[in-house]
PDB file of N, CA and C in Angstrom:
ATOM      1  N   MET A   1     -32.686  52.085  -0.277  1.00  0.00           N
ATOM      2  CA  MET A   1     -31.254  52.133  -0.437  1.00  0.00           C
ATOM      3  C   MET A   1     -31.025  52.954  -1.636  1.00  0.00           C
ATOM      4  N   SER A   2     -29.911  53.970  -1.506  1.00  0.00           N
ATOM      5  CA  SER A   2     -29.643  54.859  -2.525  1.00  0.00           C
ATOM      6  C   SER A   2     -28.747  53.980  -3.610  1.00  0.00           C
ATOM      7  N   GLN A   3     -28.574  54.513  -4.958  1.00  0.00           N
ATOM      8  CA  GLN A   3     -28.032  53.714  -5.902  1.00  0.00           C
ATOM      9  C   GLN A   3     -26.346  53.630  -5.534  1.00  0.00           C
ATOM     10  N   THR A   4     -25.794  54.631  -4.801  1.00  0.00           N
ATOM     11  CA  THR A   4     -24.411  54.574  -4.396  1.00  0.00           C
ATOM     12  C   THR A   4     -24.207  53.532  -3.432  1.00  0.00           C
ATOM     13  N   ALA A   5     -25.198  53.428  -2.426  1.00  0.00           N
ATOM     14  CA  ALA A   5     -25.177  52.493  -1.486  1.00  0.00           C
ATOM     15  C   ALA A   5     -25.228  51.013  -2.086  1.00  0.00           C
ATOM     16  N   SER A   6     -26.072  50.828  -3.072  1.00  0.00           N
ATOM     17  CA  SER A   6     -26.288  49.605  -3.879  1.00  0.00           C
ATOM     18  C   SER A   6     -24.765  49.108  -4.414  1.00  0.00           C
ATOM     19  N   ILE A   7     -24.283  50.248  -5.087  1.00  0.00           N
ATOM     20  CA  ILE A   7     -22.901  49.844  -5.825  1.00  0.00           C
ATOM     21  C   ILE A   7     -22.023  49.451  -4.823  1.00  0.00           C
ATOM     22  N   TRP A   8     -21.759  50.112  -3.758  1.00  0.00           N
ATOM     23  CA  TRP A   8     -20.789  49.766  -2.878  1.00  0.00           C
ATOM     24  C   TRP A   8     -21.187  48.475  -2.107  1.00  0.00           C
ATOM     25  N   LEU A   9     -22.491  48.069  -1.988  1.00  0.00           N
ATOM     26  CA  LEU A   9     -22.776  46.833  -1.381  1.00  0.00           C
ATOM     27  C   LEU A   9     -22.272  45.732  -2.251  1.00  0.00           C
ATOM     28  N   VAL A  10     -22.486  45.772  -3.554  1.00  0.00           N
ATOM     29  CA  VAL A  10     -22.080  44.751  -4.604  1.00  0.00           C
ATOM     30  C   VAL A  10     -20.526  44.788  -4.701  1.00  0.00           C
ATOM     31  N   ILE A  11     -19.796  45.907  -4.502  1.00  0.00           N
ATOM     32  CA  ILE A  11     -18.456  45.670  -4.517  1.00  0.00           C
ATOM     33  C   ILE A  11     -17.894  45.050  -3.281  1.00  0.00           C
ATOM     34  N   LEU A  12     -18.432  45.422  -2.190  1.00  0.00           N
ATOM     35  CA  LEU A  12     -18.071  44.692  -0.928  1.00  0.00           C
ATOM     36  C   LEU A  12     -18.362  43.168  -0.958  1.00  0.00           C
ATOM     37  N   ALA A  13     -19.566  43.031  -1.448  1.00  0.00           N
ATOM     38  CA  ALA A  13     -19.875  41.444  -1.596  1.00  0.00           C
ATOM     39  C   ALA A  13     -19.123  40.687  -2.514  1.00  0.00           C
ATOM     40  N   ALA A  14     -18.608  41.426  -3.515  1.00  0.00           N
ATOM     41  CA  ALA A  14     -17.532  40.721  -4.512  1.00  0.00           C
ATOM     42  C   ALA A  14     -16.411  40.436  -3.934  1.00  0.00           C
ATOM     43  N   LEU A  15     -15.953  41.293  -3.099  1.00  0.00           N
ATOM     44  CA  LEU A  15     -14.702  41.312  -2.345  1.00  0.00           C
ATOM     45  C   LEU A  15     -14.657  40.190  -1.488  1.00  0.00           C
ATOM     46  N   VAL A  16     -15.622  40.114  -0.612  1.00  0.00           N
ATOM     47  CA  VAL A  16     -15.673  39.049   0.275  1.00  0.00           C
ATOM     48  C   VAL A  16     -15.908  37.587  -0.215  1.00  0.00           C
ATOM     49  N   ALA A  17     -16.832  37.742  -1.467  1.00  0.00           N
ATOM     50  CA  ALA A  17     -17.057  36.332  -1.979  1.00  0.00           C
ATOM     51  C   ALA A  17     -15.921  35.757  -2.795  1.00  0.00           C
ATOM     52  N   ALA A  18     -14.969  36.739  -3.409  1.00  0.00           N
ATOM     53  CA  ALA A  18     -13.828  36.323  -4.053  1.00  0.00           C
ATOM     54  C   ALA A  18     -12.811  35.726  -3.349  1.00  0.00           C
ATOM     55  N   ASN A  19     -12.750  36.197  -1.998  1.00  0.00           N
ATOM     56  CA  ASN A  19     -11.750  35.475  -1.007  1.00  0.00           C
ATOM     57  C   ASN A  19     -12.213  34.448  -0.208  1.00  0.00           C
ATOM     58  N   LEU A  20     -13.466  34.128  -0.242  1.00  0.00           N
ATOM     59  CA  LEU A  20     -14.053  33.086   0.716  1.00  0.00           C
ATOM     60  C   LEU A  20     -13.427  31.719   0.346  1.00  0.00           C
ATOM     61  N   PRO A  21     -13.374  31.383  -0.894  1.00  0.00           N
ATOM     62  CA  PRO A  21     -12.773  30.085  -1.189  1.00  0.00           C
ATOM     63  C   PRO A  21     -11.389  29.833  -0.687  1.00  0.00           C
ATOM     64  N   PHE A  22     -10.541  30.834  -0.456  1.00  0.00           N
ATOM     65  CA  PHE A  22      -9.204  30.794  -0.110  1.00  0.00           C
ATOM     66  C   PHE A  22      -9.023  30.777   1.481  1.00  0.00           C
ATOM     67  N   ILE A  23      -9.840  31.360   2.112  1.00  0.00           N
ATOM     68  CA  ILE A  23      -9.762  31.518   3.565  1.00  0.00           C
ATOM     69  C   ILE A  23     -10.474  30.427   4.519  1.00  0.00           C
ATOM     70  N   ASN A  24     -11.229  29.474   3.773  1.00  0.00           N
ATOM     71  CA  ASN A  24     -11.871  28.352   4.717  1.00  0.00           C
ATOM     72  C   ASN A  24     -11.757  27.018   3.864  1.00  0.00           C
ATOM     73  N   GLN A  25     -11.992  25.951   4.567  1.00  0.00           N
ATOM     74  CA  GLN A  25     -11.898  24.716   3.872  1.00  0.00           C
ATOM     75  C   GLN A  25     -13.367  24.171   3.742  1.00  0.00           C
ATOM     76  N   ARG A  26     -14.248  24.898   3.889  1.00  0.00           N
ATOM     77  CA  ARG A  26     -15.664  24.068   3.722  1.00  0.00           C
ATOM     78  C   ARG A  26     -16.279  24.786   2.342  1.00  0.00           C
ATOM     79  N   TRP A  27     -17.005  23.798   1.782  1.00  0.00           N
ATOM     80  CA  TRP A  27     -17.647  24.211   0.591  1.00  0.00           C
ATOM     81  C   TRP A  27     -18.501  25.194   0.583  1.00  0.00           C
ATOM     82  N   LEU A  28     -18.435  26.575  -0.025  1.00  0.00           N
ATOM     83  CA  LEU A  28     -19.418  27.590   0.170  1.00  0.00           C
ATOM     84  C   LEU A  28     -19.658  28.148   1.531  1.00  0.00           C
ATOM     85  N   VAL A  29     -18.586  28.012   2.340  1.00  0.00           N
ATOM     86  CA  VAL A  29     -18.744  28.509   3.623  1.00  0.00           C
ATOM     87  C   VAL A  29     -19.543  27.624   4.788  1.00  0.00           C
ATOM     88  N   VAL A  30     -20.589  26.895   4.229  1.00  0.00           N
ATOM     89  CA  VAL A  30     -21.531  26.260   4.967  1.00  0.00           C
ATOM     90  C   VAL A  30     -21.513  24.811   4.853  1.00  0.00           C
ATOM     91  N   GLY A  31     -21.067  24.329   3.903  1.00  0.00           N
ATOM     92  CA  GLY A  31     -20.950  22.921   3.575  1.00  0.00           C
ATOM     93  C   GLY A  31     -19.966  22.122   4.322  1.00  0.00           C
ATOM     94  N   PRO A  32     -19.736  20.863   4.087  1.00  0.00           N
ATOM     95  CA  PRO A  32     -18.951  20.028   4.805  1.00  0.00           C
ATOM     96  C   PRO A  32     -17.445  20.528   4.538  1.00  0.00           C
ATOM     97  N   SER A  33     -16.683  20.152   5.731  1.00  0.00           N
ATOM     98  CA  SER A  33     -15.185  20.492   5.537  1.00  0.00           C
ATOM     99  C   SER A  33     -14.578  19.608   4.513  1.00  0.00           C
ATOM    100  N   ALA A  34     -13.675  20.091   3.612  1.00  0.00           N
ATOM    101  CA  ALA A  34     -12.822  19.330   2.703  1.00  0.00           C
ATOM    102  C   ALA A  34     -11.565  18.645   3.428  1.00  0.00           C
ATOM    103  N   LYS A  35     -11.505  17.530   3.395  1.00  0.00           N
ATOM    104  CA  LYS A  35     -10.340  16.743   4.113  1.00  0.00           C
ATOM    105  C   LYS A  35      -9.503  16.115   3.090  1.00  0.00           C
ATOM    106  N   PRO A  36      -8.104  16.443   3.144  1.00  0.00           N
ATOM    107  CA  PRO A  36      -7.310  17.108   4.016  1.00  0.00           C
ATOM    108  C   PRO A  36      -7.443  18.719   3.704  1.00  0.00           C
ATOM    109  N   ARG A  37      -7.517  19.100   2.228  1.00  0.00           N
ATOM    110  CA  ARG A  37      -7.535  20.334   1.847  1.00  0.00           C
ATOM    111  C   ARG A  37      -8.332  20.391   0.502  1.00  0.00           C
ATOM    112  N   LYS A  38      -8.957  21.448   0.230  1.00  0.00           N
ATOM    113  CA  LYS A  38      -9.567  21.626  -1.014  1.00  0.00           C
ATOM    114  C   LYS A  38      -8.608  21.799  -2.002  1.00  0.00           C
ATOM    115  N   PRO A  39      -8.635  21.207  -3.306  1.00  0.00           N
ATOM    116  CA  PRO A  39      -7.772  21.475  -4.341  1.00  0.00           C
ATOM    117  C   PRO A  39      -8.023  22.834  -5.044  1.00  0.00           C
ATOM    118  N   LEU A  40      -7.054  23.236  -5.680  1.00  0.00           N
ATOM    119  CA  LEU A  40      -7.268  24.616  -6.317  1.00  0.00           C
ATOM    120  C   LEU A  40      -8.262  24.550  -7.229  1.00  0.00           C
ATOM    121  N   ALA A  41      -8.592  23.411  -8.021  1.00  0.00           N
ATOM    122  CA  ALA A  41      -9.783  23.438  -8.847  1.00  0.00           C
ATOM    123  C   ALA A  41     -11.141  23.415  -8.250  1.00  0.00           C
ATOM    124  N   MET A  42     -11.224  22.816  -7.163  1.00  0.00           N
ATOM    125  CA  MET A  42     -12.407  22.988  -6.301  1.00  0.00           C
ATOM    126  C   MET A  42     -12.597  24.560  -5.763  1.00  0.00           C
ATOM    127  N   ARG A  43     -11.494  25.138  -5.477  1.00  0.00           N
ATOM    128  CA  ARG A  43     -11.763  26.638  -5.030  1.00  0.00           C
ATOM    129  C   ARG A  43     -12.046  27.412  -6.122  1.00  0.00           C
ATOM    130  N   LEU A  44     -11.413  27.122  -7.436  1.00  0.00           N
ATOM    131  CA  LEU A  44     -11.907  27.945  -8.693  1.00  0.00           C
ATOM    132  C   LEU A  44     -13.495  27.657  -9.111  1.00  0.00           C
ATOM    133  N   CYS A  45     -13.910  26.494  -8.916  1.00  0.00           N
ATOM    134  CA  CYS A  45     -15.252  26.340  -9.065  1.00  0.00           C
ATOM    135  C   CYS A  45     -16.181  26.933  -8.103  1.00  0.00           C
ATOM    136  N   GLU A  46     -15.876  26.821  -6.772  1.00  0.00           N
ATOM    137  CA  GLU A  46     -16.561  27.722  -5.764  1.00  0.00           C
ATOM    138  C   GLU A  46     -16.646  29.192  -6.152  1.00  0.00           C
ATOM    139  N   MET A  47     -15.450  29.723  -6.625  1.00  0.00           N
ATOM    140  CA  MET A  47     -15.296  31.069  -6.995  1.00  0.00           C
ATOM    141  C   MET A  47     -16.448  31.465  -8.161  1.00  0.00           C
ATOM    142  N   LEU A  48     -16.405  30.490  -9.135  1.00  0.00           N
ATOM    143  CA  LEU A  48     -17.446  30.711 -10.160  1.00  0.00           C
ATOM    144  C   LEU A  48     -18.790  30.745  -9.598  1.00  0.00           C
ATOM    145  N   VAL A  49     -19.130  29.810  -8.713  1.00  0.00           N
ATOM    146  CA  VAL A  49     -20.580  29.901  -8.145  1.00  0.00           C
ATOM    147  C   VAL A  49     -20.666  31.227  -7.244  1.00  0.00           C
ATOM    148  N   LEU A  50     -19.790  31.729  -6.512  1.00  0.00           N
ATOM    149  CA  LEU A  50     -19.882  32.765  -5.871  1.00  0.00           C
ATOM    150  C   LEU A  50     -20.017  34.219  -6.870  1.00  0.00           C
ATOM    151  N   TYR A  51     -19.301  34.039  -7.889  1.00  0.00           N
ATOM    152  CA  TYR A  51     -19.452  35.153  -8.836  1.00  0.00           C
ATOM    153  C   TYR A  51     -20.969  35.322  -9.387  1.00  0.00           C
ATOM    154  N   PHE A  52     -21.569  33.979  -9.757  1.00  0.00           N
ATOM    155  CA  PHE A  52     -22.776  34.160 -10.191  1.00  0.00           C
ATOM    156  C   PHE A  52     -23.870  34.519  -8.910  1.00  0.00           C
ATOM    157  N   LEU A  53     -23.581  34.274  -7.676  1.00  0.00           N
ATOM    158  CA  LEU A  53     -24.458  34.712  -6.568  1.00  0.00           C
ATOM    159  C   LEU A  53     -24.098  36.088  -6.565  1.00  0.00           C
ATOM    160  N   VAL A  54     -23.192  36.684  -6.640  1.00  0.00           N
ATOM    161  CA  VAL A  54     -22.831  38.165  -6.458  1.00  0.00           C
ATOM    162  C   VAL A  54     -23.548  38.953  -7.709  1.00  0.00           C
ATOM    163  N   GLY A  55     -23.487  38.151  -8.738  1.00  0.00           N
ATOM    164  CA  GLY A  55     -24.165  38.840  -9.977  1.00  0.00           C
ATOM    165  C   GLY A  55     -25.669  38.821  -9.763  1.00  0.00           C
ATOM    166  N   ALA A  56     -26.218  37.740  -9.103  1.00  0.00           N
ATOM    167  CA  ALA A  56     -27.609  37.742  -8.865  1.00  0.00           C
ATOM    168  C   ALA A  56     -28.030  38.879  -7.721  1.00  0.00           C
ATOM    169  N   LEU A  57     -27.214  39.099  -6.828  1.00  0.00           N
ATOM    170  CA  LEU A  57     -27.454  40.288  -5.838  1.00  0.00           C
ATOM    171  C   LEU A  57     -27.343  41.510  -6.654  1.00  0.00           C
ATOM    172  N   ALA A  58     -26.445  41.788  -7.757  1.00  0.00           N
ATOM    173  CA  ALA A  58     -26.245  42.894  -8.330  1.00  0.00           C
ATOM    174  C   ALA A  58     -27.541  43.127  -9.270  1.00  0.00           C
ATOM    175  N   LEU A  59     -28.106  42.034  -9.896  1.00  0.00           N
ATOM    176  CA  LEU A  59     -29.118  41.924 -10.795  1.00  0.00           C
ATOM    177  C   LEU A  59     -30.535  42.502  -9.812  1.00  0.00           C
ATOM    178  N   LEU A  60     -30.665  41.901  -8.627  1.00  0.00           N
ATOM    179  CA  LEU A  60     -31.675  42.137  -7.818  1.00  0.00           C
ATOM    180  C   LEU A  60     -31.788  43.591  -7.433  1.00  0.00           C
ATOM    181  N   LEU A  61     -30.616  44.236  -7.102  1.00  0.00           N
ATOM    182  CA  LEU A  61     -30.496  45.654  -6.808  1.00  0.00           C
ATOM    183  C   LEU A  61     -30.844  46.528  -7.957  1.00  0.00           C
ATOM    184  N   GLU A  62     -30.428  46.074  -9.054  1.00  0.00           N
ATOM    185  CA  GLU A  62     -30.663  46.844 -10.320  1.00  0.00           C
ATOM    186  C   GLU A  62     -32.014  46.953 -10.677  1.00  0.00           C
ATOM    187  N   ARG A  63     -32.741  45.696 -10.617  1.00  0.00           N
ATOM    188  CA  ARG A  63     -34.141  45.552 -10.969  1.00  0.00           C
ATOM    189  C   ARG A  63     -34.869  46.573  -9.883  1.00  0.00           C
ATOM    190  N   ARG A  64     -34.545  46.435  -8.566  1.00  0.00           N
ATOM    191  CA  ARG A  64     -35.179  47.301  -7.736  1.00  0.00           C
ATOM    192  C   ARG A  64     -34.990  48.734  -7.953  1.00  0.00           C
ATOM    193  N   ALA A  65     -33.856  49.258  -8.415  1.00  0.00           N
ATOM    194  CA  ALA A  65     -33.604  50.541  -8.674  1.00  0.00           C
ATOM    195  C   ALA A  65     -34.343  51.192  -9.929  1.00  0.00           C
ATOM    196  N   GLY A  66     -34.718  50.229 -10.908  1.00  0.00           N
ATOM    197  CA  GLY A  66     -35.297  50.596 -12.142  1.00  0.00           C
ATOM    198  C   GLY A  66     -35.142  49.730 -13.192  1.00  0.00           C
ATOM    199  N   GLN A  67     -35.064  50.084 -14.509  1.00  0.00           N
ATOM    200  CA  GLN A  67     -34.895  49.277 -15.616  1.00  0.00           C
ATOM    201  C   GLN A  67     -33.495  48.774 -15.503  1.00  0.00           C
ATOM    202  N   ILE A  68     -33.480  47.281 -16.067  1.00  0.00           N
ATOM    203  CA  ILE A  68     -32.321  46.655 -16.170  1.00  0.00           C
ATOM    204  C   ILE A  68     -31.714  47.057 -17.486  1.00  0.00           C
ATOM    205  N   ALA A  69     -30.499  47.394 -17.378  1.00  0.00           N
ATOM    206  CA  ALA A  69     -29.671  47.555 -18.762  1.00  0.00           C
ATOM    207  C   ALA A  69     -29.258  46.251 -19.268  1.00  0.00           C
ATOM    208  N   PRO A  70     -29.348  46.172 -20.860  1.00  0.00           N
ATOM    209  CA  PRO A  70     -28.926  44.917 -21.262  1.00  0.00           C
ATOM    210  C   PRO A  70     -27.299  44.744 -21.285  1.00  0.00           C
ATOM    211  N   GLN A  71     -26.831  43.652 -21.210  1.00  0.00           N
ATOM    212  CA  GLN A  71     -25.389  43.501 -21.090  1.00  0.00           C
ATOM    213  C   GLN A  71     -24.927  42.533 -22.176  1.00  0.00           C
ATOM    214  N   GLY A  72     -23.697  42.828 -22.751  1.00  0.00           N
ATOM    215  CA  GLY A  72     -23.058  42.066 -23.615  1.00  0.00           C
ATOM    216  C   GLY A  72     -22.083  41.218 -22.953  1.00  0.00           C
ATOM    217  N   TRP A  73     -21.226  40.366 -23.860  1.00  0.00           N
ATOM    218  CA  TRP A  73     -20.370  39.500 -23.419  1.00  0.00           C
ATOM    219  C   TRP A  73     -19.150  40.385 -22.778  1.00  0.00           C
ATOM    220  N   GLU A  74     -18.802  41.551 -23.262  1.00  0.00           N
ATOM    221  CA  GLU A  74     -17.833  42.309 -22.790  1.00  0.00           C
ATOM    222  C   GLU A  74     -18.032  42.745 -21.211  1.00  0.00           C
ATOM    223  N   PHE A  75     -19.262  43.090 -20.665  1.00  0.00           N
ATOM    224  CA  PHE A  75     -19.623  43.141 -19.432  1.00  0.00           C
ATOM    225  C   PHE A  75     -19.214  42.022 -18.570  1.00  0.00           C
ATOM    226  N   TYR A  76     -19.441  40.754 -18.885  1.00  0.00           N
ATOM    227  CA  TYR A  76     -19.230  39.685 -18.194  1.00  0.00           C
ATOM    228  C   TYR A  76     -17.739  39.355 -18.260  1.00  0.00           C
ATOM    229  N   ALA A  77     -16.973  39.664 -19.278  1.00  0.00           N
ATOM    230  CA  ALA A  77     -15.483  39.451 -19.264  1.00  0.00           C
ATOM    231  C   ALA A  77     -14.916  40.538 -18.347  1.00  0.00           C
ATOM    232  N   VAL A  78     -15.437  41.649 -18.249  1.00  0.00           N
ATOM    233  CA  VAL A  78     -14.752  42.783 -17.422  1.00  0.00           C
ATOM    234  C   VAL A  78     -15.204  42.214 -15.909  1.00  0.00           C
ATOM    235  N   THR A  79     -16.464  42.116 -15.572  1.00  0.00           N
ATOM    236  CA  THR A  79     -16.782  41.607 -14.210  1.00  0.00           C
ATOM    237  C   THR A  79     -15.975  40.429 -13.756  1.00  0.00           C
ATOM    238  N   GLY A  80     -15.907  39.522 -14.613  1.00  0.00           N
ATOM    239  CA  GLY A  80     -15.116  38.191 -14.431  1.00  0.00           C
ATOM    240  C   GLY A  80     -13.693  38.515 -13.973  1.00  0.00           C
ATOM    241  N   ALA A  81     -12.953  39.453 -14.810  1.00  0.00           N
ATOM    242  CA  ALA A  81     -11.701  39.718 -14.556  1.00  0.00           C
ATOM    243  C   ALA A  81     -11.546  40.630 -13.365  1.00  0.00           C
ATOM    244  N   LEU A  82     -12.521  41.403 -12.975  1.00  0.00           N
ATOM    245  CA  LEU A  82     -12.533  42.164 -11.795  1.00  0.00           C
ATOM    246  C   LEU A  82     -12.727  41.290 -10.425  1.00  0.00           C
ATOM    247  N   PHE A  83     -13.519  40.218 -10.666  1.00  0.00           N
ATOM    248  CA  PHE A  83     -13.637  39.203  -9.601  1.00  0.00           C
ATOM    249  C   PHE A  83     -12.363  38.481  -9.227  1.00  0.00           C
ATOM    250  N   VAL A  84     -11.763  38.103 -10.319  1.00  0.00           N
ATOM    251  CA  VAL A  84     -10.534  37.383 -10.090  1.00  0.00           C
ATOM    252  C   VAL A  84      -9.470  38.265  -9.530  1.00  0.00           C
ATOM    253  N   THR A  85      -9.566  39.578  -9.962  1.00  0.00           N
ATOM    254  CA  THR A  85      -8.410  40.519  -9.311  1.00  0.00           C
ATOM    255  C   THR A  85      -8.809  40.689  -7.817  1.00  0.00           C
ATOM    256  N   LEU A  86     -10.021  40.712  -7.490  1.00  0.00           N
ATOM    257  CA  LEU A  86     -10.416  40.928  -6.207  1.00  0.00           C
ATOM    258  C   LEU A  86      -9.967  39.790  -5.336  1.00  0.00           C
ATOM    259  N   ALA A  87      -9.867  38.449  -5.851  1.00  0.00           N
ATOM    260  CA  ALA A  87      -9.501  37.330  -5.073  1.00  0.00           C
ATOM    261  C   ALA A  87      -7.968  37.211  -4.881  1.00  0.00           C
ATOM    262  N   PHE A  88      -7.277  38.152  -5.467  1.00  0.00           N
ATOM    263  CA  PHE A  88      -5.693  38.171  -5.267  1.00  0.00           C
ATOM    264  C   PHE A  88      -5.313  37.924  -3.909  1.00  0.00           C
ATOM    265  N   PRO A  89      -5.898  38.760  -2.882  1.00  0.00           N
ATOM    266  CA  PRO A  89      -5.379  38.730  -1.543  1.00  0.00           C
ATOM    267  C   PRO A  89      -5.408  37.265  -0.807  1.00  0.00           C
ATOM    268  N   GLY A  90      -6.802  36.690  -1.133  1.00  0.00           N
ATOM    269  CA  GLY A  90      -6.977  35.411  -0.615  1.00  0.00           C
ATOM    270  C   GLY A  90      -5.994  34.321  -1.169  1.00  0.00           C
ATOM    271  N   PHE A  91      -5.782  34.419  -2.484  1.00  0.00           N
ATOM    272  CA  PHE A  91      -4.902  33.438  -3.108  1.00  0.00           C
ATOM    273  C   PHE A  91      -3.410  33.688  -2.778  1.00  0.00           C
ATOM    274  N   VAL A  92      -2.958  34.826  -2.591  1.00  0.00           N
ATOM    275  CA  VAL A  92      -1.557  35.167  -1.948  1.00  0.00           C
ATOM    276  C   VAL A  92      -1.547  34.534  -0.378  1.00  0.00           C
ATOM    277  N   TYR A  93      -2.535  34.683   0.324  1.00  0.00           N
ATOM    278  CA  TYR A  93      -2.523  34.197   1.726  1.00  0.00           C
ATOM    279  C   TYR A  93      -2.481  32.659   1.652  1.00  0.00           C
ATOM    280  N   ARG A  94      -3.368  32.104   0.868  1.00  0.00           N
ATOM    281  CA  ARG A  94      -3.352  30.624   0.920  1.00  0.00           C
ATOM    282  C   ARG A  94      -2.202  29.853   0.171  1.00  0.00           C
ATOM    283  N   TYR A  95      -1.746  30.456  -0.793  1.00  0.00           N
ATOM    284  CA  TYR A  95      -0.584  29.627  -1.546  1.00  0.00           C
ATOM    285  C   TYR A  95       0.749  30.153  -1.413  1.00  0.00           C
ATOM    286  N   LEU A  96       0.887  31.561  -1.231  1.00  0.00           N
ATOM    287  CA  LEU A  96       2.224  32.144  -0.950  1.00  0.00           C
ATOM    288  C   LEU A  96       2.745  32.514   0.393  1.00  0.00           C
ATOM    289  N   VAL A  97       1.837  32.959   1.248  1.00  0.00           N
ATOM    290  CA  VAL A  97       2.227  33.440   2.638  1.00  0.00           C
ATOM    291  C   VAL A  97       2.004  32.504   3.726  1.00  0.00           C
ATOM    292  N   ARG A  98       0.892  31.602   3.699  1.00  0.00           N
ATOM    293  CA  ARG A  98       0.702  30.805   4.699  1.00  0.00           C
ATOM    294  C   ARG A  98       1.499  29.582   4.573  1.00  0.00           C
ATOM    295  N   ARG A  99       2.150  29.074   5.633  1.00  0.00           N
ATOM    296  CA  ARG A  99       3.108  27.869   5.617  1.00  0.00           C
ATOM    297  C   ARG A  99       2.070  26.665   5.863  1.00  0.00           C
ATOM    298  N   HIS A 100       2.363  25.593   4.994  1.00  0.00           N
ATOM    299  CA  HIS A 100       1.548  24.312   5.186  1.00  0.00           C
ATOM    300  C   HIS A 100       2.387  23.364   5.734  1.00  0.00           C
ATOM    301  N   HIS A 101       1.952  22.571   6.721  1.00  0.00           N
ATOM    302  CA  HIS A 101       2.672  21.512   7.323  1.00  0.00           C
ATOM    303  C   HIS A 101       2.284  20.180   7.045  1.00  0.00           C
TER     304      HIS A 101
END
């Protein structure tokens, strides 16, 4: 896989993973269904777990491509903010657009 394809794979995985907590009621998509609804705190914890899973995928692809570059706290602050930004469509769908009965 080329380096460009790896980058796009990580971006696509981050987009999907950031929105997963907001589009389903299951814990990490495969777990038991939350009854009656998952609270926002549970969704945010799920987002954190998915952030680290996407990070592990990125680390695996970077290791496969060559030497791993050392990262400081700034890198994690920026990628965390990007992950939260990518989750915006799912948040809007869940809490602002969708009508709850």
